[in-house]
């Protein structure tokens, strides 16, 4: 019988490193992204960690949230939402481990993120991704996001289609 997958809010100590390692390993293995992709993810996570620390000094401030899906104590999925100001949030670090894809964990993570965004009264959510991630794009579209821009780029050692998505919550 398969183990249950639970979703929790983080980060706990070590969670940000886990998110970074998952992204680095997965995108290198599945899409041949080089170390610059891992550096890109690390910069975003570092800024998020800094904002979390600063928020502790300001009651009521919350720079965003991170959700982690776990099975048997192992992180098998992640998604984050950061407050970009002016009513805008950004969806970040969405990844579901290949061994649990199709289990509904991706939908659960996106649902948790959308509930939180609505509770926080964000006006819109933006995200940037690449065209090769078709399963993720399907989840974004099902959640109501629309693709607003597509451009060809060379980054992380690859020629990619970079996509911007937007979801208006009001």
Protein backbone atom coordinates (compact mmCIF):
# COMPACT_ATOMS: atom_id res chain seq x y z
CA UNK A 1 0.00 0.00 0.00
CA UNK A 2 1.47 3.41 -0.99
CA UNK A 3 2.36 5.83 1.79
CA UNK A 4 0.26 8.94 2.29
CA UNK A 5 1.52 12.24 0.93
CA UNK A 6 1.03 15.18 3.27
CA UNK A 7 1.41 18.90 2.54
CA UNK A 8 2.84 21.25 5.14
CA UNK A 9 3.85 24.89 5.37
CA UNK A 10 7.54 25.60 5.70
CA UNK A 11 10.22 26.43 5.85
CA UNK A 12 11.72 24.40 8.62
CA UNK A 13 15.50 24.39 8.98
CA UNK A 14 16.93 22.66 5.91
CA UNK A 15 13.81 23.06 3.73
CA UNK A 16 15.27 25.79 1.53
CA UNK A 17 18.35 23.65 0.88
CA UNK A 18 16.11 20.72 0.01
CA UNK A 19 14.14 22.85 -2.48
CA UNK A 20 17.40 24.01 -4.07
CA UNK A 21 18.86 20.49 -4.26
CA UNK A 22 15.66 19.06 -5.76
CA UNK A 23 15.59 21.73 -8.45
CA UNK A 24 19.29 21.41 -9.23
CA UNK A 25 19.18 17.61 -9.56
CA UNK A 26 15.87 17.38 -11.41
CA UNK A 27 16.52 20.07 -14.02
CA UNK A 28 20.06 18.83 -14.70
CA UNK A 29 18.85 15.24 -15.13
CA UNK A 30 15.61 15.88 -17.01
CA UNK A 31 16.46 19.00 -19.05
CA UNK A 32 20.29 19.29 -18.99
CA UNK A 33 20.18 22.70 -17.27
CA UNK A 34 23.62 23.76 -16.07
CA UNK A 35 24.76 25.22 -12.75
CA UNK A 36 23.46 28.67 -13.67
CA UNK A 37 19.92 27.38 -13.16
CA UNK A 38 20.77 26.24 -9.64
CA UNK A 39 22.32 29.67 -9.00
CA UNK A 40 19.10 31.31 -10.25
CA UNK A 41 16.99 29.23 -7.84
CA UNK A 42 19.46 29.88 -5.01
CA UNK A 43 19.19 33.66 -5.47
CA UNK A 44 15.41 33.56 -5.22
CA UNK A 45 15.49 31.29 -2.16
CA UNK A 46 18.13 33.49 -0.49
CA UNK A 47 16.00 36.60 -1.01
CA UNK A 48 12.97 34.74 0.38
CA UNK A 49 14.94 33.62 3.45
CA UNK A 50 16.14 37.18 4.05
CA UNK A 51 12.59 38.52 3.74
CA UNK A 52 11.33 35.86 6.19
CA UNK A 53 13.94 36.95 8.72
CA UNK A 54 13.04 40.61 8.32
CA UNK A 55 9.32 39.82 8.66
CA UNK A 56 9.90 38.39 12.14
CA UNK A 57 10.83 41.92 13.22
CA UNK A 58 7.56 43.36 11.85
CA UNK A 59 4.39 41.89 13.38
CA UNK A 60 1.88 40.97 10.69
CA UNK A 61 4.38 41.11 7.83
CA UNK A 62 4.58 37.98 5.71
CA UNK A 63 6.74 37.92 2.56
CA UNK A 64 5.10 34.80 1.20
CA UNK A 65 4.89 31.13 1.94
CA UNK A 66 6.45 27.80 1.04
CA UNK A 67 4.59 24.47 0.89
CA UNK A 68 6.25 21.07 0.89
CA UNK A 69 4.67 17.73 0.06
CA UNK A 70 6.18 14.81 1.97
CA UNK A 71 5.97 11.06 1.81
CA UNK A 72 7.67 8.98 4.50
CA UNK A 73 9.62 12.05 5.67
CA UNK A 74 10.98 12.80 2.18
CA UNK A 75 10.07 15.99 0.32
CA UNK A 76 8.40 14.99 -2.97
CA UNK A 77 6.94 18.34 -4.03
CA UNK A 78 7.34 22.06 -3.46
CA UNK A 79 5.75 25.37 -4.36
CA UNK A 80 6.24 28.88 -3.05
CA UNK A 81 4.50 32.22 -3.30
CA UNK A 82 6.31 35.50 -2.77
CA UNK A 83 4.82 38.94 -2.20
CA UNK A 84 6.10 41.20 -4.98
CA UNK A 85 4.24 44.29 -3.73
CA UNK A 86 1.37 46.32 -5.22
CA UNK A 87 -1.07 43.40 -4.92
CA UNK A 88 1.15 41.06 -6.94
CA UNK A 89 2.39 37.64 -5.87
CA UNK A 90 4.75 35.32 -7.73
CA UNK A 91 4.46 31.55 -7.90
CA UNK A 92 7.90 29.97 -7.51
CA UNK A 93 9.72 26.67 -7.00
CA UNK A 94 6.94 24.37 -8.23
CA UNK A 95 8.27 20.87 -8.59
CA UNK A 96 6.78 17.43 -8.12
CA UNK A 97 9.14 14.45 -7.99
CA UNK A 98 8.70 12.10 -10.96
CA UNK A 99 7.84 9.14 -8.71
CA UNK A 100 4.68 10.85 -7.38
CA UNK A 101 3.47 12.59 -10.52
CA UNK A 102 -0.11 11.73 -11.34
CA UNK A 103 -0.98 11.33 -7.64
CA UNK A 104 -2.69 14.72 -7.41
CA UNK A 105 0.04 16.26 -5.26
CA UNK A 106 0.70 19.02 -7.82
CA UNK A 107 -2.96 20.04 -7.75
CA UNK A 108 -2.92 20.00 -3.94
CA UNK A 109 0.12 22.28 -3.83
CA UNK A 110 -1.39 24.72 -6.34
CA UNK A 111 -4.72 24.68 -4.46
CA UNK A 112 -2.98 25.51 -1.16
CA UNK A 113 -1.12 28.37 -2.84
CA UNK A 114 -4.30 29.81 -4.39
CA UNK A 115 -6.22 29.61 -1.11
CA UNK A 116 -3.43 31.48 0.64
CA UNK A 117 -3.22 34.11 -2.13
CA UNK A 118 -6.95 34.74 -1.87
CA UNK A 119 -6.79 34.95 1.95
CA UNK A 120 -4.00 37.52 1.62
CA UNK A 121 -6.14 39.43 -0.89
CA UNK A 122 -3.58 39.47 -3.70
CA UNK A 123 -4.90 40.93 -6.95
CA UNK A 124 -2.81 38.79 -9.26
CA UNK A 125 -0.28 35.97 -9.38
CA UNK A 126 2.52 35.88 -11.93
CA UNK A 127 4.87 33.06 -12.83
CA UNK A 128 7.65 32.39 -15.30
CA UNK A 129 8.47 28.94 -16.61
CA UNK A 130 9.77 27.17 -19.69
CA UNK A 131 7.81 25.51 -22.46
CA UNK A 132 9.26 22.05 -21.84
CA UNK A 133 7.26 21.73 -18.61
CA UNK A 134 3.98 20.74 -20.24
CA UNK A 135 2.47 18.93 -17.23
CA UNK A 136 3.01 21.99 -15.03
CA UNK A 137 1.54 24.24 -17.74
CA UNK A 138 -1.56 22.06 -17.78
CA UNK A 139 -1.98 22.56 -14.01
CA UNK A 140 -1.50 26.32 -14.36
CA UNK A 141 -4.11 26.55 -17.11
CA UNK A 142 -6.56 24.38 -15.13
CA UNK A 143 -6.12 26.77 -12.19
CA UNK A 144 -7.07 29.74 -14.38
CA UNK A 145 -3.66 31.13 -15.33
CA UNK A 146 -3.22 32.40 -18.87
CA UNK A 147 -0.01 32.62 -20.84
CA UNK A 148 0.76 36.29 -21.47
CA UNK A 149 4.13 36.08 -23.20
CA UNK A 150 6.37 33.54 -24.93
CA UNK A 151 9.93 34.25 -26.03
CA UNK A 152 12.85 32.17 -27.23
CA UNK A 153 15.90 32.48 -25.00
CA UNK A 154 19.25 30.84 -24.45
CA UNK A 155 19.79 30.26 -20.76
CA UNK A 156 21.09 27.58 -18.41
CA UNK A 157 22.95 26.00 -21.33
CA UNK A 158 19.81 25.44 -23.41
CA UNK A 159 17.62 27.05 -26.08
CA UNK A 160 14.26 27.45 -24.35
CA UNK A 161 10.84 28.94 -24.77
CA UNK A 162 10.34 31.12 -21.71
CA UNK A 163 6.68 31.61 -20.77
CA UNK A 164 5.04 34.17 -18.52
CA UNK A 165 1.67 33.38 -16.94
CA UNK A 166 -0.80 35.52 -15.05
CA UNK A 167 -3.84 34.81 -12.89
CA UNK A 168 -6.10 37.72 -11.97
CA UNK A 169 -7.79 37.06 -8.65
CA UNK A 170 -10.13 40.08 -8.82
